[in-house]
Amino acid sequence: MTTRSRIRGPPLLAVAERSLRRHGADQISLRELAREAGVSHAAPRRHFADRQALLDALAEAGFARLDQELRTALTAAGEEFEPRLHAMAAAYLRFATEDAALLELMFAGKHRGGADRLVAAAAAPFGLMHDLIAQGQARGVLEHGDPQRVGVVLFATLQGIATLMNGKLVAPELLDGIVETAVDQFARGSRPR
């Protein structure tokens, strides 16, 4: 089952997410959303005060789904650090490449002033990444120090791969091999000296 078939939330939110994939965030409007959903043009206002509230709801749902997908991958990987690291990286990149427009909306919204709910929603999936780095440090697999500093290197690597894939600079069929290589190189380069 792909990420795209797991849309959660009110039907209007599902329609908005499909529109986001097809047209991007700039083209989403409450009126167009109502038309696509087959409801009155006033109906979306019962759920969303304005367009920004709709975009924030999409981003918040995206962070919740990313969190769930990372949790599922980590649970399936077992307790050993390196399989968990590979599983988390693969799950993140699958999300980032299947839902590039949503990921972009999530990050853009999170950094907007007054987006406290999005910052809180982002804390869950990024907390999982932080905890995984801390686990690697506790087990002596990764260098000690600030887990956030070590984690930023991993996140930058994953985000860079996602950008290359989404920009069609790398063939999609190469993703799995690139993820494996990147995670192995990260783990080797972050071992205690």
N, C-alpha and C. Protein backbone atom coordinates (compact mmCIF):
# COMPACT_ATOMS: atom_id res chain seq x y z
N MET A 1 0.85 -1.17 0.00
CA MET A 1 0.00 0.00 0.00
C MET A 1 0.90 1.23 0.00
N THR A 2 0.66 2.17 -0.87
CA THR A 2 1.48 3.36 -0.92
C THR A 2 0.94 4.42 0.01
N THR A 3 1.76 5.44 0.23
CA THR A 3 1.36 6.56 1.07
C THR A 3 0.07 7.18 0.54
N ARG A 4 -0.04 7.27 -0.77
CA ARG A 4 -1.18 7.95 -1.37
C ARG A 4 -2.51 7.30 -1.06
N SER A 5 -2.52 6.03 -0.77
CA SER A 5 -3.80 5.37 -0.50
C SER A 5 -4.16 5.43 0.97
N ARG A 6 -3.38 6.12 1.78
CA ARG A 6 -3.63 6.17 3.21
C ARG A 6 -4.07 7.55 3.67
N ILE A 7 -4.81 8.26 2.86
CA ILE A 7 -5.27 9.59 3.24
C ILE A 7 -6.23 9.46 4.41
N ARG A 8 -5.99 10.26 5.44
CA ARG A 8 -6.82 10.25 6.64
C ARG A 8 -7.48 11.63 6.79
N GLY A 9 -8.48 11.68 7.65
CA GLY A 9 -9.08 12.96 7.98
C GLY A 9 -10.38 13.17 7.25
N PRO A 10 -10.94 14.38 7.40
CA PRO A 10 -12.22 14.69 6.77
C PRO A 10 -12.11 14.54 5.26
N PRO A 11 -13.24 14.18 4.60
CA PRO A 11 -13.21 14.04 3.14
C PRO A 11 -12.66 15.28 2.44
N LEU A 12 -12.95 16.46 2.95
CA LEU A 12 -12.42 17.66 2.32
C LEU A 12 -10.90 17.69 2.37
N LEU A 13 -10.34 17.20 3.43
CA LEU A 13 -8.89 17.15 3.56
C LEU A 13 -8.29 16.17 2.55
N ALA A 14 -8.97 15.06 2.33
CA ALA A 14 -8.51 14.09 1.33
C ALA A 14 -8.54 14.71 -0.07
N VAL A 15 -9.59 15.43 -0.39
CA VAL A 15 -9.69 16.11 -1.69
C VAL A 15 -8.59 17.16 -1.80
N ALA A 16 -8.34 17.89 -0.72
CA ALA A 16 -7.30 18.92 -0.73
C ALA A 16 -5.92 18.30 -0.94
N GLU A 17 -5.69 17.14 -0.36
CA GLU A 17 -4.39 16.49 -0.53
C GLU A 17 -4.19 16.03 -1.97
N ARG A 18 -5.24 15.50 -2.57
CA ARG A 18 -5.13 15.12 -3.99
C ARG A 18 -4.87 16.35 -4.86
N SER A 19 -5.53 17.45 -4.56
CA SER A 19 -5.32 18.69 -5.31
C SER A 19 -3.89 19.20 -5.11
N LEU A 20 -3.37 19.08 -3.90
CA LEU A 20 -2.00 19.49 -3.61
C LEU A 20 -1.03 18.72 -4.50
N ARG A 21 -1.24 17.41 -4.62
CA ARG A 21 -0.36 16.59 -5.47
C ARG A 21 -0.43 17.01 -6.94
N ARG A 22 -1.63 17.29 -7.40
CA ARG A 22 -1.81 17.61 -8.83
C ARG A 22 -1.37 19.02 -9.18
N HIS A 23 -1.69 19.98 -8.30
CA HIS A 23 -1.53 21.39 -8.68
C HIS A 23 -0.57 22.19 -7.81
N GLY A 24 -0.19 21.67 -6.66
CA GLY A 24 0.66 22.42 -5.74
C GLY A 24 -0.16 23.28 -4.80
N ALA A 25 0.48 23.74 -3.74
CA ALA A 25 -0.20 24.50 -2.69
C ALA A 25 -0.75 25.83 -3.18
N ASP A 26 -0.07 26.46 -4.12
CA ASP A 26 -0.49 27.77 -4.59
C ASP A 26 -1.86 27.74 -5.28
N GLN A 27 -2.23 26.59 -5.82
CA GLN A 27 -3.49 26.49 -6.58
C GLN A 27 -4.68 26.04 -5.74
N ILE A 28 -4.45 25.74 -4.47
CA ILE A 28 -5.55 25.27 -3.62
C ILE A 28 -6.38 26.45 -3.15
N SER A 29 -7.69 26.34 -3.35
CA SER A 29 -8.61 27.35 -2.84
C SER A 29 -9.81 26.64 -2.21
N LEU A 30 -10.43 27.28 -1.25
CA LEU A 30 -11.59 26.67 -0.60
C LEU A 30 -12.73 26.48 -1.60
N ARG A 31 -12.91 27.42 -2.49
CA ARG A 31 -13.99 27.32 -3.49
C ARG A 31 -13.75 26.13 -4.43
N GLU A 32 -12.52 25.99 -4.90
CA GLU A 32 -12.19 24.87 -5.79
C GLU A 32 -12.29 23.54 -5.04
N LEU A 33 -11.89 23.55 -3.80
CA LEU A 33 -12.00 22.37 -2.96
C LEU A 33 -13.46 21.93 -2.85
N ALA A 34 -14.36 22.89 -2.63
CA ALA A 34 -15.78 22.58 -2.53
C ALA A 34 -16.29 21.99 -3.84
N ARG A 35 -15.86 22.58 -4.96
CA ARG A 35 -16.30 22.08 -6.27
C ARG A 35 -15.84 20.64 -6.47
N GLU A 36 -14.57 20.36 -6.19
CA GLU A 36 -14.03 19.01 -6.37
C GLU A 36 -14.69 18.00 -5.43
N ALA A 37 -15.06 18.45 -4.24
CA ALA A 37 -15.68 17.55 -3.27
C ALA A 37 -17.18 17.39 -3.52
N GLY A 38 -17.74 18.23 -4.40
CA GLY A 38 -19.16 18.15 -4.70
C GLY A 38 -20.04 18.68 -3.59
N VAL A 39 -19.55 19.69 -2.88
CA VAL A 39 -20.34 20.30 -1.80
C VAL A 39 -20.52 21.79 -2.11
N SER A 40 -21.35 22.45 -1.33
CA SER A 40 -21.58 23.88 -1.55
C SER A 40 -20.29 24.65 -1.32
N HIS A 41 -20.19 25.82 -1.95
CA HIS A 41 -18.95 26.59 -1.81
C HIS A 41 -18.73 27.07 -0.39
N ALA A 42 -19.76 27.07 0.44
CA ALA A 42 -19.61 27.49 1.84
C ALA A 42 -19.20 26.33 2.76
N ALA A 43 -19.36 25.10 2.31
CA ALA A 43 -19.11 23.94 3.16
C ALA A 43 -17.70 23.89 3.74
N PRO A 44 -16.62 24.17 2.97
CA PRO A 44 -15.28 24.09 3.56
C PRO A 44 -15.08 25.03 4.74
N ARG A 45 -15.80 26.14 4.76
CA ARG A 45 -15.64 27.10 5.87
C ARG A 45 -16.15 26.54 7.20
N ARG A 46 -16.93 25.48 7.16
CA ARG A 46 -17.37 24.84 8.40
C ARG A 46 -16.22 24.10 9.06
N HIS A 47 -15.23 23.71 8.25
CA HIS A 47 -14.09 22.95 8.76
C HIS A 47 -12.82 23.79 8.87
N PHE A 48 -12.68 24.77 7.97
CA PHE A 48 -11.45 25.56 7.90
C PHE A 48 -11.82 27.04 7.82
N ALA A 49 -11.29 27.84 8.74
CA ALA A 49 -11.62 29.26 8.79
C ALA A 49 -11.20 29.98 7.51
N ASP A 50 -10.08 29.55 6.94
CA ASP A 50 -9.58 30.18 5.71
C ASP A 50 -8.63 29.20 5.02
N ARG A 51 -8.07 29.64 3.92
CA ARG A 51 -7.16 28.81 3.13
C ARG A 51 -5.95 28.37 3.96
N GLN A 52 -5.40 29.28 4.76
CA GLN A 52 -4.24 28.92 5.57
C GLN A 52 -4.57 27.84 6.59
N ALA A 53 -5.76 27.88 7.15
CA ALA A 53 -6.18 26.84 8.09
C ALA A 53 -6.24 25.49 7.39
N LEU A 54 -6.69 25.47 6.15
CA LEU A 54 -6.72 24.23 5.36
C LEU A 54 -5.29 23.73 5.12
N LEU A 55 -4.39 24.62 4.70
CA LEU A 55 -3.01 24.22 4.45
C LEU A 55 -2.35 23.71 5.73
N ASP A 56 -2.63 24.37 6.85
CA ASP A 56 -2.07 23.91 8.13
C ASP A 56 -2.62 22.53 8.50
N ALA A 57 -3.90 22.30 8.23
CA ALA A 57 -4.49 20.99 8.53
C ALA A 57 -3.84 19.91 7.67
N LEU A 58 -3.57 20.23 6.40
CA LEU A 58 -2.87 19.29 5.53
C LEU A 58 -1.48 18.97 6.07
N ALA A 59 -0.76 20.01 6.46
CA ALA A 59 0.60 19.83 6.99
C ALA A 59 0.58 19.03 8.29
N GLU A 60 -0.36 19.34 9.16
CA GLU A 60 -0.45 18.61 10.43
C GLU A 60 -0.75 17.13 10.19
N ALA A 61 -1.66 16.85 9.27
CA ALA A 61 -1.97 15.46 8.92
C ALA A 61 -0.75 14.78 8.30
N GLY A 62 0.02 15.54 7.53
CA GLY A 62 1.25 14.99 6.93
C GLY A 62 2.26 14.59 7.99
N PHE A 63 2.46 15.45 9.00
CA PHE A 63 3.39 15.10 10.08
C PHE A 63 2.91 13.87 10.84
N ALA A 64 1.59 13.77 11.06
CA ALA A 64 1.05 12.60 11.76
C ALA A 64 1.28 11.34 10.95
N ARG A 65 1.09 11.41 9.64
CA ARG A 65 1.30 10.25 8.79
C ARG A 65 2.78 9.88 8.72
N LEU A 66 3.66 10.89 8.61
CA LEU A 66 5.09 10.62 8.60
C LEU A 66 5.49 9.92 9.90
N ASP A 67 4.99 10.41 11.02
CA ASP A 67 5.27 9.80 12.32
C ASP A 67 4.84 8.33 12.33
N GLN A 68 3.64 8.06 11.85
CA GLN A 68 3.14 6.69 11.84
C GLN A 68 3.97 5.79 10.94
N GLU A 69 4.36 6.30 9.78
CA GLU A 69 5.16 5.49 8.86
C GLU A 69 6.55 5.20 9.43
N LEU A 70 7.15 6.18 10.09
CA LEU A 70 8.45 5.94 10.72
C LEU A 70 8.33 4.95 11.86
N ARG A 71 7.28 5.08 12.68
CA ARG A 71 7.07 4.14 13.80
C ARG A 71 6.89 2.71 13.29
N THR A 72 6.10 2.57 12.23
CA THR A 72 5.86 1.25 11.66
C THR A 72 7.17 0.64 11.16
N ALA A 73 7.97 1.44 10.46
CA ALA A 73 9.25 0.95 9.93
C ALA A 73 10.20 0.56 11.06
N LEU A 74 10.27 1.38 12.09
CA LEU A 74 11.17 1.09 13.21
C LEU A 74 10.74 -0.17 13.96
N THR A 75 9.46 -0.33 14.16
CA THR A 75 8.94 -1.52 14.84
C THR A 75 9.26 -2.78 14.04
N ALA A 76 9.05 -2.71 12.73
CA ALA A 76 9.30 -3.88 11.88
C ALA A 76 10.78 -4.24 11.82
N ALA A 77 11.66 -3.27 12.05
CA ALA A 77 13.10 -3.49 11.93
C ALA A 77 13.71 -4.21 13.13
N GLY A 78 12.98 -4.29 14.24
CA GLY A 78 13.52 -4.95 15.42
C GLY A 78 14.27 -3.98 16.31
N GLU A 79 15.19 -4.51 17.12
CA GLU A 79 15.86 -3.70 18.14
C GLU A 79 17.28 -3.29 17.80
N GLU A 80 17.90 -3.93 16.81
CA GLU A 80 19.28 -3.59 16.46
C GLU A 80 19.34 -2.24 15.76
N PHE A 81 20.37 -1.47 16.09
CA PHE A 81 20.46 -0.09 15.60
C PHE A 81 20.53 0.03 14.08
N GLU A 82 21.46 -0.67 13.44
CA GLU A 82 21.65 -0.45 12.00
C GLU A 82 20.43 -0.83 11.17
N PRO A 83 19.75 -1.94 11.42
CA PRO A 83 18.52 -2.20 10.66
C PRO A 83 17.45 -1.13 10.91
N ARG A 84 17.40 -0.61 12.14
CA ARG A 84 16.44 0.46 12.44
C ARG A 84 16.80 1.74 11.68
N LEU A 85 18.09 2.04 11.60
CA LEU A 85 18.55 3.22 10.87
C LEU A 85 18.19 3.11 9.39
N HIS A 86 18.43 1.94 8.81
CA HIS A 86 18.08 1.71 7.40
C HIS A 86 16.57 1.83 7.19
N ALA A 87 15.80 1.22 8.08
CA ALA A 87 14.35 1.24 7.94
C ALA A 87 13.79 2.66 8.05
N MET A 88 14.30 3.41 9.02
CA MET A 88 13.84 4.79 9.19
C MET A 88 14.18 5.63 7.97
N ALA A 89 15.40 5.50 7.47
CA ALA A 89 15.82 6.28 6.30
C ALA A 89 14.98 5.93 5.08
N ALA A 90 14.74 4.65 4.86
CA ALA A 90 13.94 4.22 3.71
C ALA A 90 12.51 4.73 3.84
N ALA A 91 11.93 4.66 5.03
CA ALA A 91 10.56 5.14 5.23
C ALA A 91 10.46 6.64 5.01
N TYR A 92 11.44 7.38 5.52
CA TYR A 92 11.43 8.84 5.32
C TYR A 92 11.53 9.17 3.84
N LEU A 93 12.44 8.52 3.14
CA LEU A 93 12.61 8.83 1.72
C LEU A 93 11.43 8.38 0.87
N ARG A 94 10.80 7.31 1.24
CA ARG A 94 9.58 6.90 0.54
C ARG A 94 8.52 7.98 0.67
N PHE A 95 8.34 8.47 1.90
CA PHE A 95 7.36 9.55 2.13
C PHE A 95 7.76 10.80 1.35
N ALA A 96 9.04 11.17 1.44
CA ALA A 96 9.52 12.41 0.83
C ALA A 96 9.43 12.39 -0.69
N THR A 97 9.52 11.22 -1.29
CA THR A 97 9.47 11.14 -2.75
C THR A 97 8.06 10.87 -3.26
N GLU A 98 7.23 10.18 -2.49
CA GLU A 98 5.86 9.93 -2.92
C GLU A 98 4.98 11.14 -2.67
N ASP A 99 5.30 11.93 -1.67
CA ASP A 99 4.48 13.09 -1.31
C ASP A 99 5.34 14.34 -1.20
N ALA A 100 6.07 14.65 -2.26
CA ALA A 100 6.99 15.79 -2.25
C ALA A 100 6.28 17.11 -1.99
N ALA A 101 5.12 17.32 -2.62
CA ALA A 101 4.40 18.58 -2.42
C ALA A 101 3.93 18.71 -0.98
N LEU A 102 3.49 17.61 -0.40
CA LEU A 102 3.04 17.64 0.99
C LEU A 102 4.22 17.92 1.91
N LEU A 103 5.35 17.27 1.67
CA LEU A 103 6.53 17.50 2.52
C LEU A 103 6.96 18.97 2.45
N GLU A 104 6.95 19.52 1.26
CA GLU A 104 7.30 20.94 1.10
C GLU A 104 6.34 21.83 1.89
N LEU A 105 5.06 21.53 1.82
CA LEU A 105 4.06 22.28 2.57
C LEU A 105 4.29 22.13 4.08
N MET A 106 4.62 20.92 4.52
CA MET A 106 4.86 20.67 5.93
C MET A 106 6.01 21.52 6.45
N PHE A 107 7.13 21.53 5.72
CA PHE A 107 8.28 22.30 6.17
C PHE A 107 8.04 23.80 6.08
N ALA A 108 7.41 24.25 5.03
CA ALA A 108 7.14 25.68 4.87
C ALA A 108 6.20 26.16 5.98
N GLY A 109 5.17 25.38 6.27
CA GLY A 109 4.21 25.77 7.30
C GLY A 109 4.81 25.80 8.69
N LYS A 110 5.68 24.84 8.95
CA LYS A 110 6.29 24.73 10.28
C LYS A 110 7.14 25.95 10.63
N HIS A 111 7.69 26.59 9.64
CA HIS A 111 8.59 27.72 9.89
C HIS A 111 7.89 29.08 9.78
N ARG A 112 6.59 29.06 9.62
CA ARG A 112 5.82 30.30 9.56
C ARG A 112 5.50 30.75 11.00
N GLY A 113 5.52 32.01 11.23
CA GLY A 113 5.20 32.53 12.56
C GLY A 113 3.80 32.09 12.99
N GLY A 114 3.65 31.73 14.25
CA GLY A 114 2.35 31.35 14.81
C GLY A 114 1.92 29.93 14.47
N ALA A 115 2.81 29.13 13.95
CA ALA A 115 2.46 27.76 13.55
C ALA A 115 2.76 26.77 14.67
N ASP A 116 2.34 27.09 15.87
CA ASP A 116 2.66 26.27 17.04
C ASP A 116 2.16 24.83 16.91
N ARG A 117 0.98 24.65 16.32
CA ARG A 117 0.44 23.28 16.17
C ARG A 117 1.31 22.47 15.21
N LEU A 118 1.84 23.10 14.17
CA LEU A 118 2.69 22.38 13.23
C LEU A 118 4.03 22.05 13.86
N VAL A 119 4.56 22.96 14.64
CA VAL A 119 5.82 22.69 15.34
C VAL A 119 5.63 21.50 16.27
N ALA A 120 4.50 21.47 16.97
CA ALA A 120 4.21 20.34 17.87
C ALA A 120 4.03 19.05 17.08
N ALA A 121 3.35 19.12 15.94
CA ALA A 121 3.13 17.93 15.11
C ALA A 121 4.45 17.41 14.56
N ALA A 122 5.36 18.30 14.20
CA ALA A 122 6.67 17.89 13.66
C ALA A 122 7.54 17.26 14.72
N ALA A 123 7.30 17.58 15.98
CA ALA A 123 8.14 17.06 17.06
C ALA A 123 8.09 15.54 17.15
N ALA A 124 6.96 14.95 16.82
CA ALA A 124 6.84 13.48 16.95
C ALA A 124 7.76 12.75 15.97
N PRO A 125 7.64 12.96 14.64
CA PRO A 125 8.53 12.20 13.75
C PRO A 125 10.00 12.56 13.92
N PHE A 126 10.30 13.84 14.17
CA PHE A 126 11.70 14.21 14.32
C PHE A 126 12.23 13.77 15.68
N GLY A 127 11.35 13.61 16.65
CA GLY A 127 11.74 13.02 17.93
C GLY A 127 12.16 11.57 17.77
N LEU A 128 11.49 10.85 16.87
CA LEU A 128 11.88 9.46 16.59
C LEU A 128 13.30 9.40 16.02
N MET A 129 13.59 10.31 15.10
CA MET A 129 14.93 10.36 14.52
C MET A 129 15.97 10.68 15.59
N HIS A 130 15.66 11.65 16.43
CA HIS A 130 16.55 12.04 17.52
C HIS A 130 16.80 10.85 18.45
N ASP A 131 15.73 10.15 18.82
CA ASP A 131 15.85 9.00 19.72
C ASP A 131 16.67 7.89 19.10
N LEU A 132 16.54 7.71 17.79
CA LEU A 132 17.33 6.67 17.11
C LEU A 132 18.82 7.02 17.15
N ILE A 133 19.14 8.27 16.92
CA ILE A 133 20.55 8.70 17.00
C ILE A 133 21.06 8.49 18.43
N ALA A 134 20.26 8.87 19.42
CA ALA A 134 20.66 8.68 20.82
C ALA A 134 20.86 7.19 21.13
N GLN A 135 20.02 6.33 20.54
CA GLN A 135 20.17 4.88 20.73
C GLN A 135 21.51 4.43 20.17
N GLY A 136 21.86 4.90 18.99
CA GLY A 136 23.14 4.54 18.38
C GLY A 136 24.32 5.01 19.22
N GLN A 137 24.19 6.18 19.82
CA GLN A 137 25.25 6.70 20.68
C GLN A 137 25.36 5.86 21.96
N ALA A 138 24.22 5.52 22.54
CA ALA A 138 24.22 4.74 23.78
C ALA A 138 24.82 3.35 23.57
N ARG A 139 24.65 2.82 22.38
CA ARG A 139 25.19 1.49 22.08
C ARG A 139 26.62 1.54 21.56
N GLY A 140 27.18 2.75 21.48
CA GLY A 140 28.56 2.90 21.05
C GLY A 140 28.77 2.77 19.55
N VAL A 141 27.69 2.81 18.79
CA VAL A 141 27.78 2.68 17.33
C VAL A 141 28.05 4.05 16.69
N LEU A 142 27.54 5.10 17.30
CA LEU A 142 27.74 6.46 16.80
C LEU A 142 28.54 7.26 17.81
N GLU A 143 29.26 8.27 17.33
CA GLU A 143 30.05 9.11 18.23
C GLU A 143 29.14 9.79 19.25
N HIS A 144 29.69 10.01 20.42
CA HIS A 144 28.93 10.69 21.48
C HIS A 144 28.90 12.18 21.20
N GLY A 145 28.01 12.85 21.89
CA GLY A 145 27.86 14.29 21.71
C GLY A 145 26.39 14.62 21.54
N ASP A 146 26.15 15.79 21.04
CA ASP A 146 24.79 16.26 20.85
C ASP A 146 24.10 15.44 19.76
N PRO A 147 23.05 14.67 20.11
CA PRO A 147 22.37 13.85 19.11
C PRO A 147 21.80 14.69 17.96
N GLN A 148 21.43 15.92 18.27
CA GLN A 148 20.87 16.78 17.22
C GLN A 148 21.94 17.10 16.17
N ARG A 149 23.15 17.35 16.61
CA ARG A 149 24.23 17.66 15.67
C ARG A 149 24.51 16.47 14.75
N VAL A 150 24.58 15.29 15.33
CA VAL A 150 24.81 14.08 14.53
C VAL A 150 23.59 13.82 13.62
N GLY A 151 22.41 14.01 14.16
CA GLY A 151 21.19 13.78 13.40
C GLY A 151 21.01 14.72 12.23
N VAL A 152 21.48 15.95 12.36
CA VAL A 152 21.37 16.91 11.26
C VAL A 152 22.13 16.41 10.04
N VAL A 153 23.26 15.78 10.25
CA VAL A 153 24.03 15.24 9.13
C VAL A 153 23.21 14.17 8.40
N LEU A 154 22.58 13.28 9.16
CA LEU A 154 21.75 12.24 8.55
C LEU A 154 20.56 12.88 7.84
N PHE A 155 19.88 13.81 8.50
CA PHE A 155 18.72 14.44 7.90
C PHE A 155 19.09 15.19 6.62
N ALA A 156 20.21 15.90 6.64
CA ALA A 156 20.64 16.63 5.45
C ALA A 156 20.93 15.66 4.30
N THR A 157 21.50 14.53 4.62
CA THR A 157 21.77 13.51 3.60
C THR A 157 20.47 13.00 2.99
N LEU A 158 19.51 12.65 3.86
CA LEU A 158 18.22 12.14 3.37
C LEU A 158 17.47 13.19 2.56
N GLN A 159 17.48 14.41 3.07
CA GLN A 159 16.76 15.48 2.37
C GLN A 159 17.43 15.78 1.03
N GLY A 160 18.74 15.70 0.97
CA GLY A 160 19.45 15.89 -0.29
C GLY A 160 19.08 14.82 -1.31
N ILE A 161 19.00 13.58 -0.86
CA ILE A 161 18.59 12.49 -1.75
C ILE A 161 17.17 12.73 -2.24
N ALA A 162 16.27 13.12 -1.34
CA ALA A 162 14.89 13.40 -1.74
C ALA A 162 14.83 14.51 -2.78
N THR A 163 15.62 15.55 -2.59
CA THR A 163 15.64 16.66 -3.55
C THR A 163 16.12 16.18 -4.92
N LEU A 164 17.14 15.37 -4.95
CA LEU A 164 17.63 14.81 -6.22
C LEU A 164 16.57 13.94 -6.90
N MET A 165 15.91 13.11 -6.11
CA MET A 165 14.88 12.23 -6.67
C MET A 165 13.69 13.03 -7.17
N ASN A 166 13.23 13.97 -6.36
CA ASN A 166 12.06 14.77 -6.73
C ASN A 166 12.34 15.69 -7.91
N GLY A 167 13.59 16.08 -8.07
CA GLY A 167 13.98 16.91 -9.20
C GLY A 167 14.28 16.09 -10.45
N LYS A 168 14.07 14.77 -10.34
CA LYS A 168 14.29 13.85 -11.44
C LYS A 168 15.74 13.87 -11.94
N LEU A 169 16.66 14.13 -11.01
CA LEU A 169 18.08 14.11 -11.33
C LEU A 169 18.67 12.72 -11.14
N VAL A 170 17.90 11.85 -10.48
CA VAL A 170 18.31 10.47 -10.25
C VAL A 170 17.10 9.59 -10.58
N ALA A 171 17.34 8.49 -11.27
CA ALA A 171 16.26 7.58 -11.65
C ALA A 171 15.63 6.95 -10.40
N PRO A 172 14.29 6.88 -10.33
CA PRO A 172 13.61 6.33 -9.15
C PRO A 172 14.04 4.92 -8.78
N GLU A 173 14.38 4.11 -9.77
CA GLU A 173 14.75 2.72 -9.46
C GLU A 173 16.08 2.63 -8.71
N LEU A 174 16.83 3.72 -8.63
CA LEU A 174 18.10 3.72 -7.91
C LEU A 174 17.94 4.07 -6.42
N LEU A 175 16.74 4.47 -6.02
CA LEU A 175 16.52 4.96 -4.66
C LEU A 175 16.97 3.98 -3.58
N ASP A 176 16.55 2.73 -3.67
CA ASP A 176 16.89 1.77 -2.61
C ASP A 176 18.39 1.62 -2.44
N GLY A 177 19.11 1.51 -3.54
CA GLY A 177 20.56 1.37 -3.46
C GLY A 177 21.23 2.61 -2.90
N ILE A 178 20.72 3.77 -3.28
CA ILE A 178 21.29 5.03 -2.78
C ILE A 178 21.06 5.16 -1.28
N VAL A 179 19.87 4.78 -0.83
CA VAL A 179 19.56 4.85 0.60
C VAL A 179 20.51 3.93 1.37
N GLU A 180 20.69 2.72 0.89
CA GLU A 180 21.57 1.78 1.57
C GLU A 180 22.99 2.33 1.65
N THR A 181 23.50 2.84 0.54
CA THR A 181 24.86 3.39 0.51
C THR A 181 24.98 4.59 1.44
N ALA A 182 24.02 5.50 1.38
CA ALA A 182 24.07 6.71 2.21
C ALA A 182 24.05 6.37 3.70
N VAL A 183 23.18 5.45 4.09
CA VAL A 183 23.08 5.08 5.51
C VAL A 183 24.36 4.39 5.96
N ASP A 184 24.89 3.50 5.13
CA ASP A 184 26.15 2.82 5.49
C ASP A 184 27.28 3.84 5.64
N GLN A 185 27.38 4.79 4.71
CA GLN A 185 28.43 5.80 4.80
C GLN A 185 28.23 6.71 6.01
N PHE A 186 26.99 7.06 6.32
CA PHE A 186 26.71 7.87 7.51
C PHE A 186 27.16 7.11 8.76
N ALA A 187 26.76 5.85 8.87
CA ALA A 187 27.10 5.06 10.06
C ALA A 187 28.62 4.91 10.19
N ARG A 188 29.30 4.64 9.08
CA ARG A 188 30.77 4.51 9.12
C ARG A 188 31.42 5.82 9.54
N GLY A 189 30.97 6.93 8.96
CA GLY A 189 31.57 8.23 9.25
C GLY A 189 31.24 8.77 10.62
N SER A 190 30.19 8.22 11.25
CA SER A 190 29.78 8.72 12.57
C SER A 190 30.19 7.79 13.71
N ARG A 191 30.97 6.77 13.41
CA ARG A 191 31.44 5.87 14.47
C ARG A 191 32.38 6.61 15.41
N PRO A 192 32.44 6.16 16.66
CA PRO A 192 33.37 6.79 17.61
C PRO A 192 34.80 6.65 17.10
N ARG A 193 35.57 7.69 17.34
CA ARG A 193 36.98 7.67 16.90
C ARG A 193 37.85 6.98 17.94
